[in-house]
Amino acid sequence: MSEQETYTKIPFSVLDLVPVIQGSSHKSAMENSLSLAQHVEKLGYKRFWISEHHNADSLVSSATPLLIGYVAQGTKTLRVGSGGVMLPNHAPLIVAEQFGTLATLYPDRIDLGLGRAPGTDQATARALRRERMETVNDFPRDIQELQQYFSKTNNTSLVRAIPGEGLEVPLYLLGSSTFSAQLSAEMGLPYAFASHFAPNHLHEAFQLYRNGFNPSKQLDKSYAMAAVNVVVADTDEEAEYLASSMKQFMLNIIRNTRQPLPPPVEDMSKIWNPMEAAHIATMMQYTFVGSKETVGNKLNKFIKETAIDELIVVSHIFEHQKRLRSFELLSQI
């Protein structure tokens, strides 16, 4: 980057899957998430989201609202929320009560990001939902039901979310396709795209979202967010080495082995085959690895190309102190 060019400044936030480190405990994974949240709060990050996943040895974010409360209690100003709650797994009333409770305890700090994927395999999804068979058409209806529970006008209804009623907890729609982009636009809600693992429809989704956006009570103009993978270290070489843990994490996903986050390795060719390497390279198209300068230049280009309003960062690094360092260096960009 030349001296004449400047970085495009937008808020940076964190998406945490609460990864389990190989050789460590579930409790340590949760403590590391709180430590990271406290760290990025001091560095000026805007929000800290936790995603819902089930039946995976590699992640312990299944009880998402409990972890959000744990992080919110251990921080002071950071916005904390879900990235997201998989709404088809839950009755909207339960979600409204849970997030109404959180918003009561931590006013003006709780976000409710919503997704429509199961966040797990089909067998586990059936165990979560029991007889509740959700279709794609139920998702918009469930969102409207949530909005009604959070509204002040629901106080005369037979079914009420207490606490939660009247709190107007902000909703965000998450997606990796054009469906949620169009729905976000139609409902006038902020939209976050999961480009950290599903990059293919990123630009198309944002175009549909912005072109079709309808102002709403929550939002008067479109607000687009993108999630990307980032690993920053003092040198490009160190960052590439640290990023091998993330590549192994992705490899476990496509192999459906879902093991705890492994330590970094010098040579990934001994672990994956060329087809797997190509698959993961496609999945990780929006991954930024390197020194502060290297990542800064690439991220700046991405932000300008997408015109996003906020960047959400995912970072799978084996050593907790190296992970903290990565977010520290990123904050300096």
C-alpha atoms as a PDB file:
ATOM      1  CA  MET A   1       0.000   0.000   0.000  1.00  0.00           C
ATOM      2  CA  SER A   2       1.371   3.374  -0.989  1.00  0.00           C
ATOM      3  CA  GLU A   3       1.629   6.314   1.391  1.00  0.00           C
ATOM      4  CA  GLN A   4      -1.248   8.043  -0.413  1.00  0.00           C
ATOM      5  CA  GLU A   5      -3.687   5.202   0.244  1.00  0.00           C
ATOM      6  CA  THR A   6      -5.568   4.841   3.519  1.00  0.00           C
ATOM      7  CA  TYR A   7      -7.363   1.992   5.191  1.00  0.00           C
ATOM      8  CA  THR A   8     -11.148   1.926   5.091  1.00  0.00           C
ATOM      9  CA  LYS A   9     -12.218   2.094   8.728  1.00  0.00           C
ATOM     10  CA  ILE A  10     -15.199   0.017   9.841  1.00  0.00           C
ATOM     11  CA  PRO A  11     -16.023  -1.745  13.129  1.00  0.00           C
ATOM     12  CA  PHE A  12     -14.322  -5.076  13.773  1.00  0.00           C
ATOM     13  CA  SER A  13     -16.132  -7.800  15.701  1.00  0.00           C
ATOM     14  CA  VAL A  14     -15.528 -11.417  16.714  1.00  0.00           C
ATOM     15  CA  LEU A  15     -17.356 -14.662  15.984  1.00  0.00           C
ATOM     16  CA  ASP A  16     -16.367 -17.359  18.453  1.00  0.00           C
ATOM     17  CA  LEU A  17     -17.282 -21.028  18.037  1.00  0.00           C
ATOM     18  CA  VAL A  18     -15.804 -21.811  21.485  1.00  0.00           C
ATOM     19  CA  PRO A  19     -13.326 -24.340  20.069  1.00  0.00           C
ATOM     20  CA  VAL A  20     -11.912 -27.133  22.211  1.00  0.00           C
ATOM     21  CA  ILE A  21      -8.114 -27.289  22.060  1.00  0.00           C
ATOM     22  CA  GLN A  22      -6.593 -30.740  21.682  1.00  0.00           C
ATOM     23  CA  GLY A  23      -5.435 -31.953  25.103  1.00  0.00           C
ATOM     24  CA  SER A  24      -7.522 -29.349  26.938  1.00  0.00           C
ATOM     25  CA  SER A  25     -10.922 -29.400  28.655  1.00  0.00           C
ATOM     26  CA  HIS A  26     -14.367 -28.090  27.798  1.00  0.00           C
ATOM     27  CA  LYS A  27     -14.154 -25.699  30.734  1.00  0.00           C
ATOM     28  CA  SER A  28     -10.850 -24.323  29.428  1.00  0.00           C
ATOM     29  CA  ALA A  29     -12.489 -23.671  26.056  1.00  0.00           C
ATOM     30  CA  MET A  30     -15.171 -21.580  27.755  1.00  0.00           C
ATOM     31  CA  GLU A  31     -12.614 -19.748  29.898  1.00  0.00           C
ATOM     32  CA  ASN A  32     -10.570 -18.987  26.791  1.00  0.00           C
ATOM     33  CA  SER A  33     -13.643 -17.472  25.144  1.00  0.00           C
ATOM     34  CA  LEU A  34     -14.210 -15.178  28.106  1.00  0.00           C
ATOM     35  CA  SER A  35     -10.521 -14.248  28.112  1.00  0.00           C
ATOM     36  CA  LEU A  36     -10.714 -13.430  24.403  1.00  0.00           C
ATOM     37  CA  ALA A  37     -13.851 -11.328  24.908  1.00  0.00           C
ATOM     38  CA  GLN A  38     -12.198  -9.328  27.689  1.00  0.00           C
ATOM     39  CA  HIS A  39      -9.131  -8.883  25.492  1.00  0.00           C
ATOM     40  CA  VAL A  40     -10.981  -7.603  22.415  1.00  0.00           C
ATOM     41  CA  GLU A  41     -13.154  -5.335  24.566  1.00  0.00           C
ATOM     42  CA  LYS A  42     -10.006  -3.497  25.662  1.00  0.00           C
ATOM     43  CA  LEU A  43      -8.842  -3.351  22.045  1.00  0.00           C
ATOM     44  CA  GLY A  44     -12.032  -1.642  20.870  1.00  0.00           C
ATOM     45  CA  TYR A  45     -13.863  -4.418  19.042  1.00  0.00           C
ATOM     46  CA  LYS A  46     -17.587  -3.771  18.698  1.00  0.00           C
ATOM     47  CA  ARG A  47     -19.262  -7.099  19.437  1.00  0.00           C
ATOM     48  CA  PHE A  48     -18.591 -10.707  20.390  1.00  0.00           C
ATOM     49  CA  TRP A  49     -20.870 -13.358  18.947  1.00  0.00           C
ATOM     50  CA  ILE A  50     -21.100 -17.046  19.850  1.00  0.00           C
ATOM     51  CA  SER A  51     -22.512 -19.588  17.405  1.00  0.00           C
ATOM     52  CA  GLU A  52     -24.801 -22.515  18.155  1.00  0.00           C
ATOM     53  CA  HIS A  53     -23.370 -25.946  17.358  1.00  0.00           C
ATOM     54  CA  HIS A  54     -24.330 -29.386  18.629  1.00  0.00           C
ATOM     55  CA  ASN A  55     -22.822 -32.878  18.863  1.00  0.00           C
ATOM     56  CA  ALA A  56     -19.259 -31.858  17.973  1.00  0.00           C
ATOM     57  CA  ASP A  57     -16.202 -32.770  20.061  1.00  0.00           C
ATOM     58  CA  SER A  58     -14.481 -29.722  18.587  1.00  0.00           C
ATOM     59  CA  LEU A  59     -16.954 -27.066  19.831  1.00  0.00           C
ATOM     60  CA  VAL A  60     -18.777 -26.424  23.116  1.00  0.00           C
ATOM     61  CA  SER A  61     -21.205 -23.685  22.072  1.00  0.00           C
ATOM     62  CA  SER A  62     -24.365 -25.795  22.273  1.00  0.00           C
ATOM     63  CA  ALA A  63     -25.929 -23.870  25.189  1.00  0.00           C
ATOM     64  CA  THR A  64     -25.440 -20.548  23.414  1.00  0.00           C
ATOM     65  CA  PRO A  65     -27.527 -18.252  25.693  1.00  0.00           C
ATOM     66  CA  LEU A  66     -25.691 -19.526  28.788  1.00  0.00           C
ATOM     67  CA  LEU A  67     -22.318 -18.723  27.241  1.00  0.00           C
ATOM     68  CA  ILE A  68     -23.546 -15.302  26.132  1.00  0.00           C
ATOM     69  CA  GLY A  69     -24.503 -14.594  29.744  1.00  0.00           C
ATOM     70  CA  TYR A  70     -21.110 -15.865  30.941  1.00  0.00           C
ATOM     71  CA  VAL A  71     -19.270 -13.542  28.550  1.00  0.00           C
ATOM     72  CA  ALA A  72     -21.567 -10.571  29.176  1.00  0.00           C
ATOM     73  CA  GLN A  73     -21.082 -10.906  32.944  1.00  0.00           C
ATOM     74  CA  GLY A  74     -17.308 -10.892  32.490  1.00  0.00           C
ATOM     75  CA  THR A  75     -17.244  -7.803  30.261  1.00  0.00           C
ATOM     76  CA  LYS A  76     -18.565  -4.256  30.611  1.00  0.00           C
ATOM     77  CA  THR A  77     -19.177  -2.493  27.297  1.00  0.00           C
ATOM     78  CA  LEU A  78     -18.775  -5.136  24.584  1.00  0.00           C
ATOM     79  CA  ARG A  79     -21.950  -6.129  22.737  1.00  0.00           C
ATOM     80  CA  VAL A  80     -22.489  -9.863  23.157  1.00  0.00           C
ATOM     81  CA  GLY A  81     -24.815 -12.058  21.152  1.00  0.00           C
ATOM     82  CA  SER A  82     -25.497 -15.081  19.003  1.00  0.00           C
ATOM     83  CA  GLY A  83     -23.970 -15.673  15.638  1.00  0.00           C
ATOM     84  CA  GLY A  84     -26.356 -17.294  15.637  1.00  0.00           C
ATOM     85  CA  VAL A  85     -29.162 -19.091  17.351  1.00  0.00           C
ATOM     86  CA  MET A  86     -30.479 -21.689  14.902  1.00  0.00           C
ATOM     87  CA  LEU A  87     -34.132 -20.708  15.157  1.00  0.00           C
ATOM     88  CA  PRO A  88     -35.658 -23.896  13.670  1.00  0.00           C
ATOM     89  CA  ASN A  89     -34.203 -25.798  16.662  1.00  0.00           C
ATOM     90  CA  HIS A  90     -36.237 -23.753  19.148  1.00  0.00           C
ATOM     91  CA  ALA A  91     -39.707 -22.436  19.800  1.00  0.00           C
ATOM     92  CA  PRO A  92     -39.644 -18.647  19.301  1.00  0.00           C
ATOM     93  CA  LEU A  93     -41.141 -18.102  22.765  1.00  0.00           C
ATOM     94  CA  ILE A  94     -38.201 -19.881  24.429  1.00  0.00           C
ATOM     95  CA  VAL A  95     -35.717 -17.758  22.468  1.00  0.00           C
ATOM     96  CA  ALA A  96     -37.613 -14.584  23.371  1.00  0.00           C
ATOM     97  CA  GLU A  97     -37.585 -15.482  27.074  1.00  0.00           C
ATOM     98  CA  GLN A  98     -33.892 -16.388  27.062  1.00  0.00           C
ATOM     99  CA  PHE A  99     -32.760 -13.252  25.249  1.00  0.00           C
ATOM    100  CA  GLY A 100     -35.247 -11.139  27.132  1.00  0.00           C
ATOM    101  CA  THR A 101     -33.590 -12.343  30.323  1.00  0.00           C
ATOM    102  CA  LEU A 102     -30.138 -11.528  28.927  1.00  0.00           C
ATOM    103  CA  ALA A 103     -31.250  -8.087  27.740  1.00  0.00           C
ATOM    104  CA  THR A 104     -32.729  -7.374  31.174  1.00  0.00           C
ATOM    105  CA  LEU A 105     -29.493  -8.311  32.918  1.00  0.00           C
ATOM    106  CA  TYR A 106     -27.236  -6.565  30.375  1.00  0.00           C
ATOM    107  CA  PRO A 107     -29.220  -3.641  28.885  1.00  0.00           C
ATOM    108  CA  ASP A 108     -28.320  -2.414  25.380  1.00  0.00           C
ATOM    109  CA  ARG A 109     -25.576  -5.031  25.027  1.00  0.00           C
ATOM    110  CA  ILE A 110     -27.350  -8.137  23.697  1.00  0.00           C
ATOM    111  CA  ASP A 111     -27.687  -9.070  19.997  1.00  0.00           C
ATOM    112  CA  LEU A 112     -29.857 -11.882  18.650  1.00  0.00           C
ATOM    113  CA  GLY A 113     -28.415 -13.239  15.417  1.00  0.00           C
ATOM    114  CA  LEU A 114     -30.610 -15.882  13.779  1.00  0.00           C
ATOM    115  CA  GLY A 115     -29.857 -18.687  11.353  1.00  0.00           C
ATOM    116  CA  ARG A 116     -32.025 -21.357   9.756  1.00  0.00           C
ATOM    117  CA  ALA A 117     -29.469 -24.172   9.457  1.00  0.00           C
ATOM    118  CA  PRO A 118     -29.551 -26.918  12.128  1.00  0.00           C
ATOM    119  CA  GLY A 119     -25.976 -26.282  13.312  1.00  0.00           C
ATOM    120  CA  THR A 120     -25.434 -30.022  13.461  1.00  0.00           C
ATOM    121  CA  ASP A 121     -26.112 -33.322  11.671  1.00  0.00           C
ATOM    122  CA  GLN A 122     -29.626 -34.444  10.752  1.00  0.00           C
ATOM    123  CA  ALA A 123     -29.882 -37.081  13.497  1.00  0.00           C
ATOM    124  CA  THR A 124     -29.033 -34.493  16.165  1.00  0.00           C
ATOM    125  CA  ALA A 125     -31.413 -31.993  14.564  1.00  0.00           C
ATOM    126  CA  ARG A 126     -34.220 -34.536  14.918  1.00  0.00           C
ATOM    127  CA  ALA A 127     -33.281 -35.079  18.564  1.00  0.00           C
ATOM    128  CA  LEU A 128     -33.388 -31.310  19.173  1.00  0.00           C
ATOM    129  CA  ARG A 129     -36.659 -30.699  17.384  1.00  0.00           C
ATOM    130  CA  ARG A 130     -38.499 -33.931  18.260  1.00  0.00           C
ATOM    131  CA  GLU A 131     -41.871 -33.661  16.529  1.00  0.00           C
ATOM    132  CA  ARG A 132     -41.338 -30.063  15.405  1.00  0.00           C
ATOM    133  CA  MET A 133     -40.782 -30.288  11.656  1.00  0.00           C
ATOM    134  CA  GLU A 134     -39.676 -26.885  10.361  1.00  0.00           C
ATOM    135  CA  THR A 135     -39.537 -25.962   6.669  1.00  0.00           C
ATOM    136  CA  VAL A 136     -37.914 -23.030   4.901  1.00  0.00           C
ATOM    137  CA  ASN A 137     -41.278 -21.255   4.906  1.00  0.00           C
ATOM    138  CA  ASP A 138     -41.490 -21.381   8.714  1.00  0.00           C
ATOM    139  CA  PHE A 139     -38.363 -19.273   9.260  1.00  0.00           C
ATOM    140  CA  PRO A 140     -39.908 -15.888   8.303  1.00  0.00           C
ATOM    141  CA  ARG A 141     -42.976 -16.672  10.402  1.00  0.00           C
ATOM    142  CA  ASP A 142     -40.822 -17.566  13.424  1.00  0.00           C
ATOM    143  CA  ILE A 143     -38.896 -14.285  13.103  1.00  0.00           C
ATOM    144  CA  GLN A 144     -42.149 -12.320  13.050  1.00  0.00           C
ATOM    145  CA  GLU A 145     -43.295 -14.227  16.122  1.00  0.00           C
ATOM    146  CA  LEU A 146     -40.080 -13.283  17.900  1.00  0.00           C
ATOM    147  CA  GLN A 147     -40.525  -9.638  16.973  1.00  0.00           C
ATOM    148  CA  GLN A 148     -44.038  -9.738  18.348  1.00  0.00           C
ATOM    149  CA  TYR A 149     -42.873 -11.161  21.690  1.00  0.00           C
ATOM    150  CA  PHE A 150     -40.260  -8.396  22.002  1.00  0.00           C
ATOM    151  CA  SER A 151     -42.724  -5.627  21.137  1.00  0.00           C
ATOM    152  CA  LYS A 152     -44.571  -3.367  23.569  1.00  0.00           C
ATOM    153  CA  THR A 153     -47.860  -4.110  21.803  1.00  0.00           C
ATOM    154  CA  ASN A 154     -47.770  -7.771  22.858  1.00  0.00           C
ATOM    155  CA  ASN A 155     -48.847  -6.911  26.416  1.00  0.00           C
ATOM    156  CA  THR A 156     -52.482  -7.841  25.733  1.00  0.00           C
ATOM    157  CA  SER A 157     -51.729 -11.191  24.049  1.00  0.00           C
ATOM    158  CA  LEU A 158     -52.520 -14.560  25.587  1.00  0.00           C
ATOM    159  CA  VAL A 159     -48.848 -15.594  25.214  1.00  0.00           C
ATOM    160  CA  ARG A 160     -46.178 -13.168  26.417  1.00  0.00           C
ATOM    161  CA  ALA A 161     -42.385 -13.298  26.804  1.00  0.00           C
ATOM    162  CA  ILE A 162     -41.586 -12.230  30.364  1.00  0.00           C
ATOM    163  CA  PRO A 163     -38.922 -10.899  30.602  1.00  0.00           C
ATOM    164  CA  GLY A 164     -38.459  -9.720  27.041  1.00  0.00           C
ATOM    165  CA  GLU A 165     -41.667  -7.924  26.241  1.00  0.00           C
ATOM    166  CA  GLY A 166     -41.032  -4.338  25.177  1.00  0.00           C
ATOM    167  CA  LEU A 167     -37.255  -4.706  25.089  1.00  0.00           C
ATOM    168  CA  GLU A 168     -37.022  -4.684  21.279  1.00  0.00           C
ATOM    169  CA  VAL A 169     -33.920  -6.920  21.311  1.00  0.00           C
ATOM    170  CA  PRO A 170     -32.149  -6.227  17.979  1.00  0.00           C
ATOM    171  CA  LEU A 171     -32.343  -9.048  15.450  1.00  0.00           C
ATOM    172  CA  TYR A 172     -29.736  -9.924  12.814  1.00  0.00           C
ATOM    173  CA  LEU A 173     -30.184 -12.487  10.053  1.00  0.00           C
ATOM    174  CA  LEU A 174     -27.300 -14.791   9.192  1.00  0.00           C
ATOM    175  CA  GLY A 175     -26.879 -16.646   5.942  1.00  0.00           C
ATOM    176  CA  SER A 176     -24.649 -18.322   3.397  1.00  0.00           C
ATOM    177  CA  SER A 177     -27.055 -18.086   0.449  1.00  0.00           C
ATOM    178  CA  THR A 178     -29.342 -15.555  -1.189  1.00  0.00           C
ATOM    179  CA  PHE A 179     -32.459 -16.652   0.743  1.00  0.00           C
ATOM    180  CA  SER A 180     -31.550 -14.888   3.994  1.00  0.00           C
ATOM    181  CA  ALA A 181     -30.260 -11.869   2.056  1.00  0.00           C
ATOM    182  CA  GLN A 182     -33.649 -11.372   0.430  1.00  0.00           C
ATOM    183  CA  LEU A 183     -35.487 -12.029   3.688  1.00  0.00           C
ATOM    184  CA  SER A 184     -33.273  -9.541   5.581  1.00  0.00           C
ATOM    185  CA  ALA A 185     -33.972  -6.928   2.937  1.00  0.00           C
ATOM    186  CA  GLU A 186     -37.702  -7.571   2.994  1.00  0.00           C
ATOM    187  CA  MET A 187     -37.874  -7.375   6.802  1.00  0.00           C
ATOM    188  CA  GLY A 188     -35.474  -4.436   7.108  1.00  0.00           C
ATOM    189  CA  LEU A 189     -32.934  -6.244   9.288  1.00  0.00           C
ATOM    190  CA  PRO A 190     -29.112  -6.250   9.421  1.00  0.00           C
ATOM    191  CA  TYR A 191     -27.564  -9.075   7.408  1.00  0.00           C
ATOM    192  CA  ALA A 192     -24.400 -11.088   8.123  1.00  0.00           C
ATOM    193  CA  PHE A 193     -22.923 -13.387   5.469  1.00  0.00           C
ATOM    194  CA  ALA A 194     -20.956 -16.508   6.467  1.00  0.00           C
ATOM    195  CA  SER A 195     -18.159 -16.014   3.960  1.00  0.00           C
ATOM    196  CA  HIS A 196     -15.666 -17.627   6.344  1.00  0.00           C
ATOM    197  CA  PHE A 197     -16.801 -21.069   5.157  1.00  0.00           C
ATOM    198  CA  ALA A 198     -19.339 -20.508   2.325  1.00  0.00           C
ATOM    199  CA  PRO A 199     -17.960 -17.775   0.043  1.00  0.00           C
ATOM    200  CA  ASN A 200     -19.720 -18.541  -3.241  1.00  0.00           C
ATOM    201  CA  HIS A 201     -22.739 -16.214  -3.087  1.00  0.00           C
ATOM    202  CA  LEU A 202     -21.217 -13.341  -1.098  1.00  0.00           C
ATOM    203  CA  HIS A 203     -21.411 -10.572  -3.712  1.00  0.00           C
ATOM    204  CA  GLU A 204     -24.749 -11.715  -5.143  1.00  0.00           C
ATOM    205  CA  ALA A 205     -26.267 -11.859  -1.652  1.00  0.00           C
ATOM    206  CA  PHE A 206     -25.122  -8.344  -0.765  1.00  0.00           C
ATOM    207  CA  GLN A 207     -26.425  -6.955  -4.054  1.00  0.00           C
ATOM    208  CA  LEU A 208     -29.859  -8.524  -3.477  1.00  0.00           C
ATOM    209  CA  TYR A 209     -29.868  -7.306   0.113  1.00  0.00           C
ATOM    210  CA  ARG A 210     -28.995  -3.700  -0.686  1.00  0.00           C
ATOM    211  CA  ASN A 211     -31.199  -3.406  -3.776  1.00  0.00           C
ATOM    212  CA  GLY A 212     -34.239  -4.863  -2.034  1.00  0.00           C
ATOM    213  CA  PHE A 213     -33.860  -3.283   1.408  1.00  0.00           C
ATOM    214  CA  ASN A 214     -37.012  -1.942   3.037  1.00  0.00           C
ATOM    215  CA  PRO A 215     -36.538   0.466   5.973  1.00  0.00           C
ATOM    216  CA  SER A 216     -38.012  -0.854   9.222  1.00  0.00           C
ATOM    217  CA  LYS A 217     -38.548   0.149  12.823  1.00  0.00           C
ATOM    218  CA  GLN A 218     -35.169  -1.394  13.709  1.00  0.00           C
ATOM    219  CA  LEU A 219     -33.140  -0.129  10.737  1.00  0.00           C
ATOM    220  CA  ASP A 220     -33.551   2.798   8.341  1.00  0.00           C
ATOM    221  CA  LYS A 221     -30.885   1.692   5.853  1.00  0.00           C
ATOM    222  CA  SER A 222     -29.091  -1.545   4.976  1.00  0.00           C
ATOM    223  CA  TYR A 223     -26.330  -2.841   7.249  1.00  0.00           C
ATOM    224  CA  ALA A 224     -24.151  -5.581   5.768  1.00  0.00           C
ATOM    225  CA  MET A 225     -21.647  -7.668   7.706  1.00  0.00           C
ATOM    226  CA  ALA A 226     -19.237 -10.358   6.495  1.00  0.00           C
ATOM    227  CA  ALA A 227     -17.433 -13.047   8.462  1.00  0.00           C
ATOM    228  CA  VAL A 228     -13.882 -13.953   7.422  1.00  0.00           C
ATOM    229  CA  ASN A 229     -11.038 -16.069   8.775  1.00  0.00           C
ATOM    230  CA  VAL A 230      -8.043 -14.104  10.027  1.00  0.00           C
ATOM    231  CA  VAL A 231      -4.685 -15.168  11.462  1.00  0.00           C
ATOM    232  CA  VAL A 232      -2.157 -12.399  12.146  1.00  0.00           C
ATOM    233  CA  ALA A 233       1.348 -12.872  13.542  1.00  0.00           C
ATOM    234  CA  ASP A 234       4.573 -10.925  13.645  1.00  0.00           C
ATOM    235  CA  THR A 235       5.710 -12.473  10.346  1.00  0.00           C
ATOM    236  CA  ASP A 236       4.005 -14.024   7.330  1.00  0.00           C
ATOM    237  CA  GLU A 237       5.816 -17.287   7.986  1.00  0.00           C
ATOM    238  CA  GLU A 238       4.619 -17.569  11.585  1.00  0.00           C
ATOM    239  CA  ALA A 239       1.051 -16.744  10.575  1.00  0.00           C
ATOM    240  CA  GLU A 240       1.035 -19.439   7.882  1.00  0.00           C
ATOM    241  CA  TYR A 241       2.307 -21.948  10.432  1.00  0.00           C
ATOM    242  CA  LEU A 242      -0.377 -20.982  12.967  1.00  0.00           C
ATOM    243  CA  ALA A 243      -3.065 -21.165  10.268  1.00  0.00           C
ATOM    244  CA  SER A 244      -2.382 -24.865   9.728  1.00  0.00           C
ATOM    245  CA  SER A 245      -4.501 -25.575  12.820  1.00  0.00           C
ATOM    246  CA  MET A 246      -7.424 -23.830  11.112  1.00  0.00           C
ATOM    247  CA  LYS A 247      -6.866 -25.859   7.938  1.00  0.00           C
ATOM    248  CA  GLN A 248      -6.914 -29.065   9.954  1.00  0.00           C
ATOM    249  CA  PHE A 249     -10.120 -27.853  11.629  1.00  0.00           C
ATOM    250  CA  MET A 250     -11.713 -27.405   8.187  1.00  0.00           C
ATOM    251  CA  LEU A 251     -10.388 -30.792   7.114  1.00  0.00           C
ATOM    252  CA  ASN A 252     -12.134 -32.405  10.075  1.00  0.00           C
ATOM    253  CA  ILE A 253     -15.374 -30.766   8.938  1.00  0.00           C
ATOM    254  CA  ILE A 254     -15.268 -32.176   5.417  1.00  0.00           C
ATOM    255  CA  ARG A 255     -14.163 -35.571   6.753  1.00  0.00           C
ATOM    256  CA  ASN A 256     -16.925 -35.372   9.388  1.00  0.00           C
ATOM    257  CA  THR A 257     -14.477 -36.199  12.178  1.00  0.00           C
ATOM    258  CA  ARG A 258     -14.998 -32.951  14.180  1.00  0.00           C
ATOM    259  CA  GLN A 259     -12.042 -33.462  16.499  1.00  0.00           C
ATOM    260  CA  PRO A 260     -10.612 -30.841  18.915  1.00  0.00           C
ATOM    261  CA  LEU A 261      -8.433 -28.125  17.378  1.00  0.00           C
ATOM    262  CA  PRO A 262      -5.002 -29.683  16.684  1.00  0.00           C
ATOM    263  CA  PRO A 263      -1.580 -28.047  17.045  1.00  0.00           C
ATOM    264  CA  PRO A 264      -0.021 -26.419  13.964  1.00  0.00           C
ATOM    265  CA  VAL A 265       2.163 -28.414  11.577  1.00  0.00           C
ATOM    266  CA  GLU A 266       4.926 -27.476   9.165  1.00  0.00           C
ATOM    267  CA  ASP A 267       3.595 -29.456   6.198  1.00  0.00           C
ATOM    268  CA  MET A 268      -0.125 -29.957   5.464  1.00  0.00           C
ATOM    269  CA  SER A 269       0.638 -32.193   2.456  1.00  0.00           C
ATOM    270  CA  LYS A 270       1.277 -35.040   4.865  1.00  0.00           C
ATOM    271  CA  ILE A 271      -2.218 -34.674   6.308  1.00  0.00           C
ATOM    272  CA  TRP A 272      -4.569 -33.980   3.382  1.00  0.00           C
ATOM    273  CA  ASN A 273      -4.748 -35.134  -0.230  1.00  0.00           C
ATOM    274  CA  PRO A 274      -4.835 -32.743  -3.227  1.00  0.00           C
ATOM    275  CA  MET A 275      -8.622 -33.004  -3.587  1.00  0.00           C
ATOM    276  CA  GLU A 276      -9.158 -32.117   0.057  1.00  0.00           C
ATOM    277  CA  ALA A 277      -6.681 -29.259  -0.199  1.00  0.00           C
ATOM    278  CA  ALA A 278      -8.545 -27.835  -3.202  1.00  0.00           C
ATOM    279  CA  HIS A 279     -11.903 -28.189  -1.436  1.00  0.00           C
ATOM    280  CA  ILE A 280     -10.662 -26.337   1.631  1.00  0.00           C
ATOM    281  CA  ALA A 281      -9.008 -23.638  -0.484  1.00  0.00           C
ATOM    282  CA  THR A 282     -12.435 -22.959  -1.995  1.00  0.00           C
ATOM    283  CA  MET A 283     -14.135 -22.931   1.409  1.00  0.00           C
ATOM    284  CA  MET A 284     -11.479 -20.597   2.791  1.00  0.00           C
ATOM    285  CA  GLN A 285     -11.472 -18.136  -0.109  1.00  0.00           C
ATOM    286  CA  TYR A 286     -11.980 -15.251   2.311  1.00  0.00           C
ATOM    287  CA  THR A 287      -9.152 -16.110   4.671  1.00  0.00           C
ATOM    288  CA  PHE A 288      -6.481 -13.551   5.524  1.00  0.00           C
ATOM    289  CA  VAL A 289      -3.193 -14.851   6.909  1.00  0.00           C
ATOM    290  CA  GLY A 290       0.072 -13.023   7.457  1.00  0.00           C
ATOM    291  CA  SER A 291       1.764 -10.140   9.162  1.00  0.00           C
ATOM    292  CA  LYS A 292      -0.103  -6.971  10.129  1.00  0.00           C
ATOM    293  CA  GLU A 293       0.870  -5.288   6.867  1.00  0.00           C
ATOM    294  CA  THR A 294       0.007  -8.296   4.689  1.00  0.00           C
ATOM    295  CA  VAL A 295      -3.396  -8.852   6.279  1.00  0.00           C
ATOM    296  CA  GLY A 296      -4.127  -5.132   6.411  1.00  0.00           C
ATOM    297  CA  ASN A 297      -3.657  -4.668   2.683  1.00  0.00           C
ATOM    298  CA  LYS A 298      -5.744  -7.721   1.775  1.00  0.00           C
ATOM    299  CA  LEU A 299      -8.514  -6.882   4.224  1.00  0.00           C
ATOM    300  CA  ASN A 300      -8.660  -3.304   3.000  1.00  0.00           C
ATOM    301  CA  LYS A 301      -9.220  -4.552  -0.541  1.00  0.00           C
ATOM    302  CA  PHE A 302     -11.942  -6.951   0.648  1.00  0.00           C
ATOM    303  CA  ILE A 303     -13.725  -4.211   2.601  1.00  0.00           C
ATOM    304  CA  LYS A 304     -13.667  -1.837  -0.371  1.00  0.00           C
ATOM    305  CA  GLU A 305     -14.882  -4.524  -2.799  1.00  0.00           C
ATOM    306  CA  THR A 306     -17.780  -5.605  -0.586  1.00  0.00           C
ATOM    307  CA  ALA A 307     -18.590  -2.166   0.892  1.00  0.00           C
ATOM    308  CA  ILE A 308     -19.486  -3.909   4.155  1.00  0.00           C
ATOM    309  CA  ASP A 309     -20.448  -1.920   7.221  1.00  0.00           C
ATOM    310  CA  GLU A 310     -18.764  -4.280   9.700  1.00  0.00           C
ATOM    311  CA  LEU A 311     -16.197  -7.090   9.620  1.00  0.00           C
ATOM    312  CA  ILE A 312     -16.683 -10.202  11.738  1.00  0.00           C
ATOM    313  CA  VAL A 313     -13.491 -12.133  12.431  1.00  0.00           C
ATOM    314  CA  VAL A 314     -13.140 -15.867  13.049  1.00  0.00           C
ATOM    315  CA  SER A 315      -9.768 -17.104  14.269  1.00  0.00           C
ATOM    316  CA  HIS A 316      -8.859 -20.732  14.991  1.00  0.00           C
ATOM    317  CA  ILE A 317      -5.401 -20.684  16.592  1.00  0.00           C
ATOM    318  CA  PHE A 318      -4.140 -23.513  18.786  1.00  0.00           C
ATOM    319  CA  GLU A 319      -2.219 -21.520  21.404  1.00  0.00           C
ATOM    320  CA  HIS A 320      -4.451 -19.114  23.307  1.00  0.00           C
ATOM    321  CA  GLN A 321      -1.777 -16.437  23.732  1.00  0.00           C
ATOM    322  CA  LYS A 322      -1.082 -16.501  19.990  1.00  0.00           C
ATOM    323  CA  ARG A 323      -4.813 -16.074  19.382  1.00  0.00           C
ATOM    324  CA  LEU A 324      -4.893 -13.039  21.668  1.00  0.00           C
ATOM    325  CA  ARG A 325      -1.854 -11.664  19.871  1.00  0.00           C
ATOM    326  CA  SER A 326      -3.543 -12.109  16.500  1.00  0.00           C
ATOM    327  CA  PHE A 327      -6.526 -10.003  17.563  1.00  0.00           C
ATOM    328  CA  GLU A 328      -4.177  -7.415  19.072  1.00  0.00           C
ATOM    329  CA  LEU A 329      -2.270  -7.044  15.809  1.00  0.00           C
ATOM    330  CA  LEU A 330      -5.509  -6.936  13.835  1.00  0.00           C
ATOM    331  CA  SER A 331      -6.793  -4.088  16.003  1.00  0.00           C
ATOM    332  CA  GLN A 332      -3.761  -2.034  15.017  1.00  0.00           C
ATOM    333  CA  ILE A 333      -4.633  -2.119  11.316  1.00  0.00           C
END
